[in-house]
Amino acid sequence: MSMVRCDEVTDGLRDSECLVTIKDFNGRKHFIRVERDFLTEFHGGLYLPMGIVQVHPGTRSVLVEFSHEPETGFNRIWVKKDQLDEPVEAFA
């Protein structure tokens, strides 16, 4: 499973929870509430595990799927490839 870099991480409703902000390809913010221990510190940032669904050949953006539905209601969003923890090759 790949991980996407979190733009912001703020306190949640409980001490064990946090609210993560991730910007999509167009700069819109998406908020998802997760348990703090679900995040991974990597390369000086916090990353959220996600599944990769597709790579757009024209824009090289990546369609990722959240583990559960975020506040915005979209369970899949397009992100820039540099937001991921590792390089992604285009699917055939």
Foldseek 3Di string as FASTA:
>chain_A
DWWFFFPDWADDPDNQKIWTWDAFQVGDIWIAIDGPVQWDQDPNTIIHDWAWDFADPPQRWTWTAAPDATPVRDRIGTHHQVRIPDHDDGDD
